[in-house]
Amino acid sequence: MCMGVATANSILMVSFAREQMDEGKGAREAALEAGFVRIRPVLMTALAMMIGMLPMALGLGEGGEQNAPLGRAVIGGLLFATFATLFFVPCVFSMIHGRRERRPGHEPPPEPVAP
């Protein structure tokens, strides 16, 4: 479950950053923009999942103590995955695409034409 949510959020972050690069922004600027714009949806998705797992993590009810460690593990994984999505993914994106921009022979994208 953690991997699914983290992967979906990371894909959305990277696709948004690539759209920004297609509009003519640099890799670092596109990654920062993606982080700022996508922070709310990423947090909303992660928090909804964490809140949904809270009853399981508390282990309330009959036999709940069996599933409580799984709920706690999922919540911990989501905390780490959310942090990685918001900070690590944009950093790696800007490093990888920044290198491509600095390569010799690389042509920058054309400037957008104003209507």
N, C-alpha and C. Protein backbone atom coordinates (compact mmCIF):
# COMPACT_ATOMS: atom_id res chain seq x y z
N MET A 1 0.83 -1.20 0.00
CA MET A 1 0.00 0.00 0.00
C MET A 1 0.86 1.25 0.00
N CYS A 2 1.91 1.23 0.81
CA CYS A 2 2.80 2.40 0.86
C CYS A 2 3.45 2.65 -0.48
N MET A 3 3.91 1.58 -1.11
CA MET A 3 4.60 1.72 -2.39
C MET A 3 3.66 2.25 -3.47
N GLY A 4 2.43 1.83 -3.44
CA GLY A 4 1.47 2.32 -4.43
C GLY A 4 1.21 3.80 -4.31
N VAL A 5 0.98 4.26 -3.08
CA VAL A 5 0.72 5.68 -2.85
C VAL A 5 1.97 6.50 -3.18
N ALA A 6 3.14 6.04 -2.72
CA ALA A 6 4.38 6.78 -2.96
C ALA A 6 4.70 6.84 -4.45
N THR A 7 4.51 5.73 -5.14
CA THR A 7 4.79 5.70 -6.58
C THR A 7 3.86 6.63 -7.35
N ALA A 8 2.59 6.59 -7.02
CA ALA A 8 1.63 7.47 -7.71
C ALA A 8 1.96 8.94 -7.46
N ASN A 9 2.27 9.29 -6.22
CA ASN A 9 2.62 10.68 -5.91
C ASN A 9 3.91 11.10 -6.61
N SER A 10 4.89 10.21 -6.66
CA SER A 10 6.16 10.54 -7.31
C SER A 10 5.98 10.70 -8.81
N ILE A 11 5.17 9.85 -9.41
CA ILE A 11 4.92 9.96 -10.85
C ILE A 11 4.25 11.28 -11.18
N LEU A 12 3.29 11.67 -10.36
CA LEU A 12 2.62 12.96 -10.58
C LEU A 12 3.59 14.12 -10.42
N MET A 13 4.49 14.02 -9.46
CA MET A 13 5.48 15.08 -9.23
C MET A 13 6.43 15.20 -10.43
N VAL A 14 6.93 14.07 -10.90
CA VAL A 14 7.87 14.08 -12.02
C VAL A 14 7.18 14.54 -13.31
N SER A 15 5.97 14.08 -13.53
CA SER A 15 5.27 14.49 -14.76
C SER A 15 4.99 15.99 -14.75
N PHE A 16 4.67 16.54 -13.59
CA PHE A 16 4.45 17.98 -13.50
C PHE A 16 5.76 18.73 -13.77
N ALA A 17 6.86 18.24 -13.22
CA ALA A 17 8.15 18.90 -13.43
C ALA A 17 8.55 18.82 -14.91
N ARG A 18 8.27 17.71 -15.56
CA ARG A 18 8.59 17.59 -16.99
C ARG A 18 7.75 18.55 -17.82
N GLU A 19 6.50 18.76 -17.44
CA GLU A 19 5.66 19.74 -18.13
C GLU A 19 6.25 21.14 -17.98
N GLN A 20 6.76 21.43 -16.79
CA GLN A 20 7.37 22.74 -16.56
C GLN A 20 8.63 22.90 -17.42
N MET A 21 9.39 21.83 -17.57
CA MET A 21 10.59 21.89 -18.42
C MET A 21 10.21 22.08 -19.88
N ASP A 22 9.10 21.46 -20.29
CA ASP A 22 8.63 21.64 -21.67
C ASP A 22 8.22 23.08 -21.94
N GLU A 23 7.84 23.80 -20.89
CA GLU A 23 7.48 25.21 -21.04
C GLU A 23 8.70 26.12 -21.04
N GLY A 24 9.90 25.53 -20.88
CA GLY A 24 11.11 26.32 -20.98
C GLY A 24 11.82 26.58 -19.67
N LYS A 25 11.37 26.04 -18.57
CA LYS A 25 12.04 26.25 -17.29
C LYS A 25 13.21 25.29 -17.16
N GLY A 26 14.19 25.67 -16.34
CA GLY A 26 15.33 24.81 -16.08
C GLY A 26 14.94 23.66 -15.16
N ALA A 27 15.82 22.69 -15.02
CA ALA A 27 15.52 21.50 -14.22
C ALA A 27 15.28 21.84 -12.76
N ARG A 28 16.12 22.69 -12.21
CA ARG A 28 15.98 23.04 -10.79
C ARG A 28 14.69 23.82 -10.55
N GLU A 29 14.43 24.77 -11.41
CA GLU A 29 13.22 25.58 -11.27
C GLU A 29 11.96 24.73 -11.44
N ALA A 30 12.00 23.79 -12.38
CA ALA A 30 10.86 22.90 -12.61
C ALA A 30 10.63 21.99 -11.41
N ALA A 31 11.70 21.49 -10.82
CA ALA A 31 11.57 20.62 -9.64
C ALA A 31 11.01 21.39 -8.45
N LEU A 32 11.48 22.61 -8.25
CA LEU A 32 10.95 23.43 -7.16
C LEU A 32 9.48 23.75 -7.36
N GLU A 33 9.14 24.11 -8.58
CA GLU A 33 7.74 24.42 -8.89
C GLU A 33 6.85 23.20 -8.65
N ALA A 34 7.32 22.03 -9.08
CA ALA A 34 6.55 20.80 -8.87
C ALA A 34 6.37 20.52 -7.39
N GLY A 35 7.42 20.74 -6.61
CA GLY A 35 7.32 20.52 -5.17
C GLY A 35 6.31 21.44 -4.51
N PHE A 36 6.33 22.71 -4.89
CA PHE A 36 5.41 23.67 -4.29
C PHE A 36 3.96 23.44 -4.72
N VAL A 37 3.77 23.13 -5.99
CA VAL A 37 2.41 22.97 -6.51
C VAL A 37 1.79 21.65 -6.04
N ARG A 38 2.58 20.60 -6.00
CA ARG A 38 2.05 19.26 -5.70
C ARG A 38 2.07 18.93 -4.21
N ILE A 39 2.55 19.82 -3.33
CA ILE A 39 2.64 19.49 -1.91
C ILE A 39 1.27 19.20 -1.30
N ARG A 40 0.28 19.99 -1.66
CA ARG A 40 -1.05 19.81 -1.09
C ARG A 40 -1.68 18.47 -1.50
N PRO A 41 -1.72 18.13 -2.79
CA PRO A 41 -2.29 16.82 -3.14
C PRO A 41 -1.53 15.64 -2.55
N VAL A 42 -0.20 15.75 -2.48
CA VAL A 42 0.60 14.65 -1.90
C VAL A 42 0.26 14.50 -0.42
N LEU A 43 0.22 15.60 0.30
CA LEU A 43 -0.11 15.53 1.73
C LEU A 43 -1.53 15.04 1.96
N MET A 44 -2.46 15.47 1.13
CA MET A 44 -3.85 15.03 1.30
C MET A 44 -3.97 13.53 1.08
N THR A 45 -3.31 13.01 0.07
CA THR A 45 -3.36 11.58 -0.21
C THR A 45 -2.74 10.78 0.93
N ALA A 46 -1.58 11.22 1.38
CA ALA A 46 -0.89 10.49 2.45
C ALA A 46 -1.66 10.57 3.76
N LEU A 47 -2.16 11.74 4.10
CA LEU A 47 -2.90 11.88 5.36
C LEU A 47 -4.20 11.08 5.34
N ALA A 48 -4.88 11.04 4.21
CA ALA A 48 -6.11 10.24 4.12
C ALA A 48 -5.80 8.77 4.37
N MET A 49 -4.70 8.29 3.80
CA MET A 49 -4.31 6.89 4.00
C MET A 49 -3.92 6.64 5.45
N MET A 50 -3.17 7.57 6.05
CA MET A 50 -2.75 7.41 7.45
C MET A 50 -3.95 7.43 8.39
N ILE A 51 -4.87 8.33 8.16
CA ILE A 51 -6.06 8.39 9.00
C ILE A 51 -6.90 7.13 8.84
N GLY A 52 -6.97 6.61 7.63
CA GLY A 52 -7.69 5.38 7.40
C GLY A 52 -7.06 4.18 8.09
N MET A 53 -5.74 4.20 8.26
CA MET A 53 -5.03 3.10 8.90
C MET A 53 -4.97 3.24 10.42
N LEU A 54 -5.37 4.38 10.95
CA LEU A 54 -5.27 4.64 12.39
C LEU A 54 -6.05 3.63 13.24
N PRO A 55 -7.29 3.29 12.93
CA PRO A 55 -7.99 2.29 13.75
C PRO A 55 -7.27 0.94 13.77
N MET A 56 -6.71 0.57 12.64
CA MET A 56 -5.97 -0.69 12.58
C MET A 56 -4.70 -0.61 13.43
N ALA A 57 -3.99 0.53 13.37
CA ALA A 57 -2.75 0.69 14.12
C ALA A 57 -2.98 0.73 15.62
N LEU A 58 -4.13 1.23 16.05
CA LEU A 58 -4.43 1.28 17.48
C LEU A 58 -4.77 -0.09 18.05
N GLY A 59 -5.20 -0.99 17.20
CA GLY A 59 -5.49 -2.35 17.64
C GLY A 59 -6.69 -2.45 18.56
N LEU A 60 -7.66 -1.61 18.36
CA LEU A 60 -8.86 -1.63 19.20
C LEU A 60 -9.76 -2.78 18.78
N GLY A 61 -10.53 -3.27 19.69
CA GLY A 61 -11.49 -4.33 19.38
C GLY A 61 -10.89 -5.71 19.60
N GLU A 62 -11.74 -6.67 19.42
CA GLU A 62 -11.35 -8.05 19.65
C GLU A 62 -10.41 -8.54 18.55
N GLY A 63 -9.24 -9.02 18.89
CA GLY A 63 -8.27 -9.51 17.93
C GLY A 63 -7.52 -8.42 17.19
N GLY A 64 -7.72 -7.19 17.60
CA GLY A 64 -7.07 -6.06 16.93
C GLY A 64 -5.58 -6.02 17.13
N GLU A 65 -5.09 -6.63 18.21
CA GLU A 65 -3.65 -6.59 18.48
C GLU A 65 -2.84 -7.38 17.44
N GLN A 66 -3.51 -8.26 16.70
CA GLN A 66 -2.81 -9.01 15.66
C GLN A 66 -2.45 -8.14 14.46
N ASN A 67 -3.33 -7.25 14.10
CA ASN A 67 -3.12 -6.41 12.92
C ASN A 67 -2.48 -5.06 13.23
N ALA A 68 -2.36 -4.72 14.51
CA ALA A 68 -1.81 -3.42 14.88
C ALA A 68 -0.40 -3.19 14.34
N PRO A 69 0.52 -4.17 14.40
CA PRO A 69 1.86 -3.91 13.84
C PRO A 69 1.84 -3.60 12.34
N LEU A 70 0.94 -4.24 11.61
CA LEU A 70 0.83 -3.95 10.18
C LEU A 70 0.37 -2.51 9.96
N GLY A 71 -0.62 -2.07 10.72
CA GLY A 71 -1.10 -0.70 10.61
C GLY A 71 -0.02 0.31 10.94
N ARG A 72 0.76 0.03 11.98
CA ARG A 72 1.85 0.93 12.36
C ARG A 72 2.93 0.96 11.29
N ALA A 73 3.22 -0.19 10.70
CA ALA A 73 4.23 -0.24 9.64
C ALA A 73 3.79 0.55 8.41
N VAL A 74 2.52 0.43 8.07
CA VAL A 74 2.01 1.17 6.91
C VAL A 74 2.07 2.67 7.18
N ILE A 75 1.69 3.10 8.36
CA ILE A 75 1.74 4.53 8.68
C ILE A 75 3.18 5.04 8.67
N GLY A 76 4.11 4.28 9.24
CA GLY A 76 5.52 4.67 9.21
C GLY A 76 6.06 4.73 7.79
N GLY A 77 5.69 3.75 6.99
CA GLY A 77 6.12 3.75 5.59
C GLY A 77 5.57 4.94 4.83
N LEU A 78 4.34 5.30 5.10
CA LEU A 78 3.74 6.46 4.43
C LEU A 78 4.43 7.76 4.85
N LEU A 79 4.81 7.86 6.11
CA LEU A 79 5.53 9.05 6.56
C LEU A 79 6.85 9.19 5.80
N PHE A 80 7.59 8.10 5.73
CA PHE A 80 8.86 8.14 5.00
C PHE A 80 8.64 8.39 3.51
N ALA A 81 7.67 7.72 2.92
CA ALA A 81 7.41 7.87 1.49
C ALA A 81 6.97 9.29 1.15
N THR A 82 6.19 9.91 2.02
CA THR A 82 5.75 11.28 1.78
C THR A 82 6.94 12.23 1.83
N PHE A 83 7.81 12.04 2.82
CA PHE A 83 9.02 12.86 2.91
C PHE A 83 9.86 12.68 1.65
N ALA A 84 10.04 11.44 1.23
CA ALA A 84 10.85 11.16 0.04
C ALA A 84 10.23 11.78 -1.20
N THR A 85 8.92 11.70 -1.32
CA THR A 85 8.24 12.26 -2.49
C THR A 85 8.41 13.77 -2.55
N LEU A 86 8.31 14.43 -1.42
CA LEU A 86 8.34 15.90 -1.40
C LEU A 86 9.76 16.48 -1.45
N PHE A 87 10.76 15.74 -0.98
CA PHE A 87 12.11 16.30 -0.93
C PHE A 87 13.11 15.54 -1.80
N PHE A 88 13.12 14.23 -1.71
CA PHE A 88 14.12 13.44 -2.41
C PHE A 88 13.86 13.39 -3.91
N VAL A 89 12.62 13.17 -4.32
CA VAL A 89 12.29 13.06 -5.74
C VAL A 89 12.63 14.34 -6.50
N PRO A 90 12.24 15.54 -6.02
CA PRO A 90 12.63 16.75 -6.76
C PRO A 90 14.14 16.96 -6.82
N CYS A 91 14.85 16.59 -5.75
CA CYS A 91 16.32 16.74 -5.76
C CYS A 91 16.95 15.84 -6.82
N VAL A 92 16.53 14.60 -6.86
CA VAL A 92 17.08 13.67 -7.85
C VAL A 92 16.69 14.11 -9.26
N PHE A 93 15.46 14.57 -9.42
CA PHE A 93 15.00 15.05 -10.74
C PHE A 93 15.89 16.20 -11.22
N SER A 94 16.14 17.16 -10.35
CA SER A 94 16.94 18.32 -10.77
C SER A 94 18.38 17.93 -11.02
N MET A 95 18.91 16.97 -10.28
CA MET A 95 20.29 16.53 -10.53
C MET A 95 20.41 15.82 -11.87
N ILE A 96 19.49 14.91 -12.14
CA ILE A 96 19.55 14.14 -13.40
C ILE A 96 19.33 15.04 -14.60
N HIS A 97 18.29 15.84 -14.55
CA HIS A 97 17.98 16.69 -15.71
C HIS A 97 18.91 17.89 -15.80
N GLY A 98 19.50 18.29 -14.68
CA GLY A 98 20.49 19.36 -14.71
C GLY A 98 21.75 18.92 -15.44
N ARG A 99 22.13 17.66 -15.26
CA ARG A 99 23.29 17.13 -15.99
C ARG A 99 23.03 17.09 -17.49
N ARG A 100 21.81 16.74 -17.86
CA ARG A 100 21.47 16.69 -19.28
C ARG A 100 21.56 18.07 -19.91
N GLU A 101 21.19 19.10 -19.14
CA GLU A 101 21.24 20.47 -19.67
C GLU A 101 22.68 20.93 -19.87
N ARG A 102 23.60 20.46 -19.03
CA ARG A 102 24.99 20.90 -19.10
C ARG A 102 25.82 20.11 -20.09
N ARG A 103 25.27 19.03 -20.63
CA ARG A 103 26.01 18.21 -21.60
C ARG A 103 26.34 19.01 -22.85
N PRO A 104 27.55 18.81 -23.39
CA PRO A 104 27.86 19.52 -24.64
C PRO A 104 27.00 18.99 -25.78
N GLY A 105 26.56 19.88 -26.61
CA GLY A 105 25.73 19.50 -27.74
C GLY A 105 24.25 19.47 -27.42
N HIS A 106 23.91 19.73 -26.17
CA HIS A 106 22.49 19.73 -25.79
C HIS A 106 21.88 21.07 -26.15
N GLU A 107 20.80 21.02 -26.88
CA GLU A 107 20.13 22.25 -27.28
C GLU A 107 19.02 22.55 -26.28
N PRO A 108 18.97 23.78 -25.76
CA PRO A 108 17.87 24.13 -24.86
C PRO A 108 16.54 24.14 -25.61
N PRO A 109 15.44 23.90 -24.90
CA PRO A 109 14.15 23.91 -25.58
C PRO A 109 13.85 25.31 -26.12
N PRO A 110 13.08 25.39 -27.20
CA PRO A 110 12.77 26.72 -27.76
C PRO A 110 11.92 27.53 -26.79
N GLU A 111 12.10 28.82 -26.86
CA GLU A 111 11.32 29.73 -26.01
C GLU A 111 9.86 29.71 -26.43
N PRO A 112 8.93 29.71 -25.47
CA PRO A 112 7.51 29.74 -25.87
C PRO A 112 7.17 31.06 -26.53
N VAL A 113 6.32 30.98 -27.52
CA VAL A 113 5.91 32.17 -28.27
C VAL A 113 4.66 32.76 -27.60
N ALA A 114 4.72 34.06 -27.32
CA ALA A 114 3.58 34.73 -26.70
C ALA A 114 2.49 34.93 -27.74
N PRO A 115 1.22 34.69 -27.36
CA PRO A 115 0.11 34.87 -28.32
C PRO A 115 -0.15 36.31 -28.65
